PDB file of N, CA and C in Angstrom:
ATOM      1  N   MET A   1     166.356  75.370 126.596  1.00  0.00           N
ATOM      2  CA  MET A   1     167.705  75.181 126.112  1.00  0.00           C
ATOM      3  C   MET A   1     168.592  74.506 127.165  1.00  0.00           C
ATOM      4  N   ILE A   2     168.452  74.895 128.413  1.00  0.00           N
ATOM      5  CA  ILE A   2     169.300  74.331 129.456  1.00  0.00           C
ATOM      6  C   ILE A   2     168.692  73.065 130.066  1.00  0.00           C
ATOM      7  N   LEU A   3     167.385  72.938 129.991  1.00  0.00           N
ATOM      8  CA  LEU A   3     166.701  71.797 130.594  1.00  0.00           C
ATOM      9  C   LEU A   3     167.162  70.448 130.040  1.00  0.00           C
ATOM     10  N   PRO A   4     167.350  70.272 128.730  1.00  0.00           N
ATOM     11  CA  PRO A   4     167.848  68.982 128.238  1.00  0.00           C
ATOM     12  C   PRO A   4     169.220  68.611 128.814  1.00  0.00           C
ATOM     13  N   ALA A   5     170.087  69.591 128.981  1.00  0.00           N
ATOM     14  CA  ALA A   5     171.410  69.311 129.555  1.00  0.00           C
ATOM     15  C   ALA A   5     171.288  68.874 131.008  1.00  0.00           C
ATOM     16  N   ILE A   6     170.438  69.529 131.751  1.00  0.00           N
ATOM     17  CA  ILE A   6     170.236  69.157 133.155  1.00  0.00           C
ATOM     18  C   ILE A   6     169.632  67.761 133.256  1.00  0.00           C
ATOM     19  N   ARG A   7     168.660  67.466 132.417  1.00  0.00           N
ATOM     20  CA  ARG A   7     168.059  66.120 132.414  1.00  0.00           C
ATOM     21  C   ARG A   7     169.103  65.055 132.079  1.00  0.00           C
ATOM     22  N   ALA A   8     169.950  65.347 131.102  1.00  0.00           N
ATOM     23  CA  ALA A   8     170.999  64.396 130.716  1.00  0.00           C
ATOM     24  C   ALA A   8     171.976  64.173 131.867  1.00  0.00           C
ATOM     25  N   ASP A   9     172.315  65.233 132.595  1.00  0.00           N
ATOM     26  CA  ASP A   9     173.202  65.095 133.752  1.00  0.00           C
ATOM     27  C   ASP A   9     172.584  64.184 134.806  1.00  0.00           C
ATOM     28  N   TYR A  10     171.311  64.407 135.106  1.00  0.00           N
ATOM     29  CA  TYR A  10     170.642  63.569 136.096  1.00  0.00           C
ATOM     30  C   TYR A  10     170.537  62.122 135.621  1.00  0.00           C
ATOM     31  N   ARG A  11     170.244  61.924 134.350  1.00  0.00           N
ATOM     32  CA  ARG A  11     170.157  60.572 133.803  1.00  0.00           C
ATOM     33  C   ARG A  11     171.501  59.864 133.934  1.00  0.00           C
ATOM     34  N   ALA A  12     172.570  60.564 133.606  1.00  0.00           N
ATOM     35  CA  ALA A  12     173.910  59.974 133.711  1.00  0.00           C
ATOM     36  C   ALA A  12     174.227  59.623 135.165  1.00  0.00           C
ATOM     37  N   ALA A  13     173.908  60.517 136.080  1.00  0.00           N
ATOM     38  CA  ALA A  13     174.185  60.273 137.496  1.00  0.00           C
ATOM     39  C   ALA A  13     173.374  59.099 138.037  1.00  0.00           C
ATOM     40  N   GLU A  14     172.153  58.946 137.572  1.00  0.00           N
ATOM     41  CA  GLU A  14     171.283  57.882 138.068  1.00  0.00           C
ATOM     42  C   GLU A  14     171.601  56.519 137.470  1.00  0.00           C
ATOM     43  N   THR A  15     172.177  56.476 136.290  1.00  0.00           N
ATOM     44  CA  THR A  15     172.383  55.196 135.611  1.00  0.00           C
ATOM     45  C   THR A  15     173.836  54.730 135.597  1.00  0.00           C
ATOM     46  N   TYR A  16     174.763  55.579 136.019  1.00  0.00           N
ATOM     47  CA  TYR A  16     176.183  55.222 135.969  1.00  0.00           C
ATOM     48  C   TYR A  16     176.510  54.145 136.994  1.00  0.00           C
ATOM     49  N   THR A  17     177.271  53.161 136.573  1.00  0.00           N
ATOM     50  CA  THR A  17     177.771  52.128 137.468  1.00  0.00           C
ATOM     51  C   THR A  17     179.283  52.053 137.308  1.00  0.00           C
ATOM     52  N   TRP A  18     180.004  52.286 138.407  1.00  0.00           N
ATOM     53  CA  TRP A  18     181.459  52.242 138.361  1.00  0.00           C
ATOM     54  C   TRP A  18     181.933  50.802 138.266  1.00  0.00           C
ATOM     55  N   GLU A  19     182.902  50.579 137.403  1.00  0.00           N
ATOM     56  CA  GLU A  19     183.527  49.270 137.283  1.00  0.00           C
ATOM     57  C   GLU A  19     185.018  49.438 137.520  1.00  0.00           C
ATOM     58  N   PRO A  20     185.608  48.600 138.367  1.00  0.00           N
ATOM     59  CA  PRO A  20     187.034  48.731 138.659  1.00  0.00           C
ATOM     60  C   PRO A  20     187.874  48.562 137.402  1.00  0.00           C
ATOM     61  N   GLY A  21     188.959  49.265 137.373  1.00  0.00           N
ATOM     62  CA  GLY A  21     189.887  49.179 136.259  1.00  0.00           C
ATOM     63  C   GLY A  21     191.248  49.641 136.725  1.00  0.00           C
ATOM     64  N   PRO A  22     192.200  49.646 135.827  1.00  0.00           N
ATOM     65  CA  PRO A  22     193.543  50.079 136.223  1.00  0.00           C
ATOM     66  C   PRO A  22     193.539  51.572 136.558  1.00  0.00           C
ATOM     67  N   PRO A  23     194.435  51.993 137.450  1.00  0.00           N
ATOM     68  CA  PRO A  23     194.498  53.414 137.779  1.00  0.00           C
ATOM     69  C   PRO A  23     194.977  54.232 136.583  1.00  0.00           C
ATOM     70  N   LEU A  24     194.587  55.485 136.577  1.00  0.00           N
ATOM     71  CA  LEU A  24     195.070  56.406 135.556  1.00  0.00           C
ATOM     72  C   LEU A  24     196.564  56.637 135.753  1.00  0.00           C
ATOM     73  N   THR A  25     197.222  57.130 134.732  1.00  0.00           N
ATOM     74  CA  THR A  25     198.639  57.475 134.854  1.00  0.00           C
ATOM     75  C   THR A  25     198.846  58.981 134.730  1.00  0.00           C
ATOM     76  N   CYS A  26     197.773  59.705 134.529  1.00  0.00           N
ATOM     77  CA  CYS A  26     197.853  61.159 134.346  1.00  0.00           C
ATOM     78  C   CYS A  26     197.622  61.880 135.675  1.00  0.00           C
ATOM     79  N   PRO A  27     197.989  63.153 135.722  1.00  0.00           N
ATOM     80  CA  PRO A  27     197.693  63.935 136.924  1.00  0.00           C
ATOM     81  C   PRO A  27     196.184  64.095 137.109  1.00  0.00           C
ATOM     82  N   VAL A  28     195.755  64.125 138.356  1.00  0.00           N
ATOM     83  CA  VAL A  28     194.350  64.350 138.686  1.00  0.00           C
ATOM     84  C   VAL A  28     194.285  65.490 139.701  1.00  0.00           C
ATOM     85  N   THR A  29     193.464  66.477 139.393  1.00  0.00           N
ATOM     86  CA  THR A  29     193.217  67.582 140.317  1.00  0.00           C
ATOM     87  C   THR A  29     191.759  67.507 140.739  1.00  0.00           C
ATOM     88  N   CYS A  30     191.521  67.447 142.028  1.00  0.00           N
ATOM     89  CA  CYS A  30     190.170  67.309 142.572  1.00  0.00           C
ATOM     90  C   CYS A  30     189.809  68.579 143.337  1.00  0.00           C
ATOM     91  N   LEU A  31     188.651  69.140 143.024  1.00  0.00           N
ATOM     92  CA  LEU A  31     188.163  70.347 143.685  1.00  0.00           C
ATOM     93  C   LEU A  31     186.926  69.993 144.500  1.00  0.00           C
ATOM     94  N   VAL A  32     186.848  70.519 145.710  1.00  0.00           N
ATOM     95  CA  VAL A  32     185.706  70.219 146.577  1.00  0.00           C
ATOM     96  C   VAL A  32     185.426  71.422 147.472  1.00  0.00           C
ATOM     97  N   GLY A  33     184.162  71.602 147.812  1.00  0.00           N
ATOM     98  CA  GLY A  33     183.781  72.626 148.781  1.00  0.00           C
ATOM     99  C   GLY A  33     183.848  72.056 150.187  1.00  0.00           C
ATOM    100  N   ASP A  34     184.349  72.843 151.124  1.00  0.00           N
ATOM    101  CA  ASP A  34     184.519  72.333 152.490  1.00  0.00           C
ATOM    102  C   ASP A  34     183.201  72.120 153.238  1.00  0.00           C
ATOM    103  N   ASP A  35     182.103  72.612 152.680  1.00  0.00           N
ATOM    104  CA  ASP A  35     180.800  72.456 153.326  1.00  0.00           C
ATOM    105  C   ASP A  35     179.806  71.760 152.392  1.00  0.00           C
ATOM    106  N   ASP A  36     180.320  70.924 151.492  1.00  0.00           N
ATOM    107  CA  ASP A  36     179.479  70.230 150.516  1.00  0.00           C
ATOM    108  C   ASP A  36     178.715  69.108 151.215  1.00  0.00           C
ATOM    109  N   PRO A  37     177.391  69.139 151.187  1.00  0.00           N
ATOM    110  CA  PRO A  37     176.628  68.083 151.847  1.00  0.00           C
ATOM    111  C   PRO A  37     176.635  66.760 151.076  1.00  0.00           C
ATOM    112  N   LYS A  38     177.091  66.781 149.833  1.00  0.00           N
ATOM    113  CA  LYS A  38     177.090  65.576 149.001  1.00  0.00           C
ATOM    114  C   LYS A  38     178.427  64.838 149.046  1.00  0.00           C
ATOM    115  N   VAL A  39     179.539  65.587 149.196  1.00  0.00           N
ATOM    116  CA  VAL A  39     180.880  64.993 149.138  1.00  0.00           C
ATOM    117  C   VAL A  39     181.738  65.605 150.239  1.00  0.00           C
ATOM    118  N   THR A  40     182.270  64.770 151.115  1.00  0.00           N
ATOM    119  CA  THR A  40     183.171  65.282 152.148  1.00  0.00           C
ATOM    120  C   THR A  40     184.563  65.457 151.557  1.00  0.00           C
ATOM    121  N   VAL A  41     185.389  66.211 152.255  1.00  0.00           N
ATOM    122  CA  VAL A  41     186.775  66.391 151.819  1.00  0.00           C
ATOM    123  C   VAL A  41     187.479  65.032 151.790  1.00  0.00           C
ATOM    124  N   GLU A  42     187.193  64.188 152.760  1.00  0.00           N
ATOM    125  CA  GLU A  42     187.806  62.855 152.811  1.00  0.00           C
ATOM    126  C   GLU A  42     187.388  62.011 151.610  1.00  0.00           C
ATOM    127  N   GLU A  43     186.115  62.085 151.239  1.00  0.00           N
ATOM    128  CA  GLU A  43     185.646  61.334 150.066  1.00  0.00           C
ATOM    129  C   GLU A  43     186.313  61.852 148.796  1.00  0.00           C
ATOM    130  N   ALA A  44     186.451  63.152 148.683  1.00  0.00           N
ATOM    131  CA  ALA A  44     187.117  63.727 147.511  1.00  0.00           C
ATOM    132  C   ALA A  44     188.581  63.298 147.465  1.00  0.00           C
ATOM    133  N   ALA A  45     189.231  63.251 148.613  1.00  0.00           N
ATOM    134  CA  ALA A  45     190.640  62.852 148.673  1.00  0.00           C
ATOM    135  C   ALA A  45     190.835  61.412 148.218  1.00  0.00           C
ATOM    136  N   ALA A  46     189.801  60.592 148.324  1.00  0.00           N
ATOM    137  CA  ALA A  46     189.901  59.188 147.912  1.00  0.00           C
ATOM    138  C   ALA A  46     190.150  59.041 146.414  1.00  0.00           C
ATOM    139  N   TRP A  47     189.896  60.107 145.625  1.00  0.00           N
ATOM    140  CA  TRP A  47     190.201  60.053 144.193  1.00  0.00           C
ATOM    141  C   TRP A  47     191.690  59.824 143.954  1.00  0.00           C
ATOM    142  N   SER A  48     192.516  60.103 144.941  1.00  0.00           N
ATOM    143  CA  SER A  48     193.961  59.881 144.779  1.00  0.00           C
ATOM    144  C   SER A  48     194.265  58.414 144.495  1.00  0.00           C
ATOM    145  N   GLY A  49     193.395  57.526 144.926  1.00  0.00           N
ATOM    146  CA  GLY A  49     193.587  56.104 144.687  1.00  0.00           C
ATOM    147  C   GLY A  49     193.293  55.665 143.266  1.00  0.00           C
ATOM    148  N   HIS A  50     192.844  56.594 142.429  1.00  0.00           N
ATOM    149  CA  HIS A  50     192.495  56.254 141.052  1.00  0.00           C
ATOM    150  C   HIS A  50     193.532  56.718 140.039  1.00  0.00           C
ATOM    151  N   THR A  51     194.682  57.175 140.528  1.00  0.00           N
ATOM    152  CA  THR A  51     195.755  57.553 139.613  1.00  0.00           C
ATOM    153  C   THR A  51     197.104  57.173 140.198  1.00  0.00           C
ATOM    154  N   ASP A  52     198.000  56.770 139.327  1.00  0.00           N
ATOM    155  CA  ASP A  52     199.393  56.569 139.716  1.00  0.00           C
ATOM    156  C   ASP A  52     200.185  57.843 139.457  1.00  0.00           C
ATOM    157  N   GLY A  53     199.541  58.806 138.826  1.00  0.00           N
ATOM    158  CA  GLY A  53     200.165  60.092 138.545  1.00  0.00           C
ATOM    159  C   GLY A  53     200.022  61.027 139.735  1.00  0.00           C
ATOM    160  N   PRO A  54     200.469  62.257 139.566  1.00  0.00           N
ATOM    161  CA  PRO A  54     200.341  63.238 140.645  1.00  0.00           C
ATOM    162  C   PRO A  54     198.870  63.511 140.972  1.00  0.00           C
ATOM    163  N   PHE A  55     198.608  63.776 142.237  1.00  0.00           N
ATOM    164  CA  PHE A  55     197.250  64.090 142.684  1.00  0.00           C
ATOM    165  C   PHE A  55     197.285  65.374 143.495  1.00  0.00           C
ATOM    166  N   MET A  56     196.335  66.268 143.204  1.00  0.00           N
ATOM    167  CA  MET A  56     196.221  67.504 143.970  1.00  0.00           C
ATOM    168  C   MET A  56     194.765  67.682 144.393  1.00  0.00           C
ATOM    169  N   LEU A  57     194.560  67.930 145.670  1.00  0.00           N
ATOM    170  CA  LEU A  57     193.231  68.206 146.209  1.00  0.00           C
ATOM    171  C   LEU A  57     193.180  69.675 146.592  1.00  0.00           C
ATOM    172  N   ARG A  58     192.203  70.394 146.059  1.00  0.00           N
ATOM    173  CA  ARG A  58     192.002  71.802 146.410  1.00  0.00           C
ATOM    174  C   ARG A  58     190.652  71.921 147.096  1.00  0.00           C
ATOM    175  N   VAL A  59     190.672  72.433 148.306  1.00  0.00           N
ATOM    176  CA  VAL A  59     189.453  72.608 149.087  1.00  0.00           C
ATOM    177  C   VAL A  59     189.102  74.096 149.099  1.00  0.00           C
ATOM    178  N   PHE A  60     187.877  74.401 148.689  1.00  0.00           N
ATOM    179  CA  PHE A  60     187.400  75.779 148.629  1.00  0.00           C
ATOM    180  C   PHE A  60     186.326  75.998 149.683  1.00  0.00           C
ATOM    181  N   PRO A  61     186.212  77.221 150.185  1.00  0.00           N
ATOM    182  CA  PRO A  61     185.094  77.517 151.076  1.00  0.00           C
ATOM    183  C   PRO A  61     183.783  77.431 150.299  1.00  0.00           C
ATOM    184  N   GLY A  62     182.802  76.786 150.896  1.00  0.00           N
ATOM    185  CA  GLY A  62     181.497  76.733 150.247  1.00  0.00           C
ATOM    186  C   GLY A  62     180.933  75.336 150.182  1.00  0.00           C
ATOM    187  N   GLY A  63     179.724  75.274 149.675  1.00  0.00           N
ATOM    188  CA  GLY A  63     179.009  74.013 149.568  1.00  0.00           C
ATOM    189  C   GLY A  63     179.162  73.379 148.203  1.00  0.00           C
ATOM    190  N   HIS A  64     178.106  72.704 147.764  1.00  0.00           N
ATOM    191  CA  HIS A  64     178.149  71.943 146.521  1.00  0.00           C
ATOM    192  C   HIS A  64     178.359  72.828 145.295  1.00  0.00           C
ATOM    193  N   PHE A  65     177.939  74.082 145.370  1.00  0.00           N
ATOM    194  CA  PHE A  65     178.069  74.990 144.231  1.00  0.00           C
ATOM    195  C   PHE A  65     179.173  76.025 144.467  1.00  0.00           C
ATOM    196  N   PHE A  66     180.249  75.614 145.145  1.00  0.00           N
ATOM    197  CA  PHE A  66     181.373  76.508 145.423  1.00  0.00           C
ATOM    198  C   PHE A  66     181.983  77.077 144.149  1.00  0.00           C
ATOM    199  N   LEU A  67     181.834  76.355 143.033  1.00  0.00           N
ATOM    200  CA  LEU A  67     182.421  76.797 141.761  1.00  0.00           C
ATOM    201  C   LEU A  67     181.957  78.198 141.375  1.00  0.00           C
ATOM    202  N   ALA A  68     180.708  78.506 141.629  1.00  0.00           N
ATOM    203  CA  ALA A  68     180.154  79.804 141.231  1.00  0.00           C
ATOM    204  C   ALA A  68     180.840  80.955 141.960  1.00  0.00           C
ATOM    205  N   ARG A  69     181.225  80.745 143.201  1.00  0.00           N
ATOM    206  CA  ARG A  69     181.856  81.814 143.989  1.00  0.00           C
ATOM    207  C   ARG A  69     183.348  81.925 143.738  1.00  0.00           C
ATOM    208  N   HIS A  70     183.947  80.938 143.106  1.00  0.00           N
ATOM    209  CA  HIS A  70     185.405  80.915 142.952  1.00  0.00           C
ATOM    210  C   HIS A  70     185.825  80.741 141.495  1.00  0.00           C
ATOM    211  N   GLN A  71     185.020  81.249 140.576  1.00  0.00           N
ATOM    212  CA  GLN A  71     185.274  81.043 139.146  1.00  0.00           C
ATOM    213  C   GLN A  71     186.658  81.500 138.715  1.00  0.00           C
ATOM    214  N   THR A  72     187.044  82.702 139.096  1.00  0.00           N
ATOM    215  CA  THR A  72     188.330  83.246 138.654  1.00  0.00           C
ATOM    216  C   THR A  72     189.483  82.375 139.126  1.00  0.00           C
ATOM    217  N   GLU A  73     189.475  82.005 140.386  1.00  0.00           N
ATOM    218  CA  GLU A  73     190.545  81.180 140.942  1.00  0.00           C
ATOM    219  C   GLU A  73     190.581  79.794 140.294  1.00  0.00           C
ATOM    220  N   ILE A  74     189.418  79.226 140.043  1.00  0.00           N
ATOM    221  CA  ILE A  74     189.353  77.891 139.448  1.00  0.00           C
ATOM    222  C   ILE A  74     189.820  77.913 137.999  1.00  0.00           C
ATOM    223  N   VAL A  75     189.411  78.923 137.246  1.00  0.00           N
ATOM    224  CA  VAL A  75     189.868  79.036 135.854  1.00  0.00           C
ATOM    225  C   VAL A  75     191.382  79.214 135.819  1.00  0.00           C
ATOM    226  N   ARG A  76     191.913  80.020 136.722  1.00  0.00           N
ATOM    227  CA  ARG A  76     193.366  80.218 136.797  1.00  0.00           C
ATOM    228  C   ARG A  76     194.072  78.894 137.123  1.00  0.00           C
ATOM    229  N   LEU A  77     193.527  78.148 138.068  1.00  0.00           N
ATOM    230  CA  LEU A  77     194.098  76.850 138.439  1.00  0.00           C
ATOM    231  C   LEU A  77     194.085  75.893 137.251  1.00  0.00           C
ATOM    232  N   MET A  78     192.959  75.831 136.549  1.00  0.00           N
ATOM    233  CA  MET A  78     192.854  74.940 135.389  1.00  0.00           C
ATOM    234  C   MET A  78     193.848  75.337 134.301  1.00  0.00           C
ATOM    235  N   ALA A  79     193.976  76.627 134.050  1.00  0.00           N
ATOM    236  CA  ALA A  79     194.918  77.098 133.031  1.00  0.00           C
ATOM    237  C   ALA A  79     196.343  76.727 133.409  1.00  0.00           C
ATOM    238  N   THR A  80     196.679  76.873 134.681  1.00  0.00           N
ATOM    239  CA  THR A  80     198.020  76.508 135.146  1.00  0.00           C
ATOM    240  C   THR A  80     198.261  75.015 134.985  1.00  0.00           C
ATOM    241  N   GLN A  81     197.284  74.204 135.358  1.00  0.00           N
ATOM    242  CA  GLN A  81     197.431  72.756 135.231  1.00  0.00           C
ATOM    243  C   GLN A  81     197.601  72.342 133.771  1.00  0.00           C
ATOM    244  N   LEU A  82     196.828  72.929 132.882  1.00  0.00           N
ATOM    245  CA  LEU A  82     196.933  72.595 131.457  1.00  0.00           C
ATOM    246  C   LEU A  82     198.256  73.071 130.873  1.00  0.00           C
ATOM    247  N   GLU A  83     198.735  74.206 131.344  1.00  0.00           N
ATOM    248  CA  GLU A  83     200.022  74.721 130.879  1.00  0.00           C
ATOM    249  C   GLU A  83     201.150  73.775 131.270  1.00  0.00           C
ATOM    250  N   VAL A  84     201.102  73.264 132.482  1.00  0.00           N
ATOM    251  CA  VAL A  84     202.118  72.314 132.949  1.00  0.00           C
ATOM    252  C   VAL A  84     202.103  71.059 132.087  1.00  0.00           C
ATOM    253  N   LEU A  85     200.917  70.576 131.742  1.00  0.00           N
ATOM    254  CA  LEU A  85     200.809  69.370 130.915  1.00  0.00           C
ATOM    255  C   LEU A  85     201.334  69.595 129.503  1.00  0.00           C
ATOM    256  N   ASP A  86     201.299  70.832 129.039  1.00  0.00           N
ATOM    257  CA  ASP A  86     201.717  71.155 127.679  1.00  0.00           C
ATOM    258  C   ASP A  86     203.231  71.273 127.546  1.00  0.00           C
ATOM    259  N   ARG A  87     203.937  71.344 128.664  1.00  0.00           N
ATOM    260  CA  ARG A  87     205.400  71.484 128.615  1.00  0.00           C
ATOM    261  C   ARG A  87     206.043  70.146 128.273  1.00  0.00           C
ATOM    262  N   PRO A  88     207.128  70.215 127.474  1.00  0.00           N
ATOM    263  CA  PRO A  88     207.831  68.960 127.120  1.00  0.00           C
ATOM    264  C   PRO A  88     208.572  68.357 128.294  1.00  0.00           C
TER     265      PRO A  88
END
């Protein structure tokens, strides 16, 4: 059941080619682990260049799978961000 989803994720990661385009106009929130061997904090911060809207970088303790250790905090952050977007 989970294997097809994992295969699809790997296929997408292996075949994706970024093409330049106009920056987004919406807020972007980027989450990264401070010990991630795949993405440095500096590389994650570079996402700020892809939006003209507000940008927030949140750095969590942990590696590439920091999400598992910080689920409650991340869900709370996402709910807060979505709530802000829902306000007139």
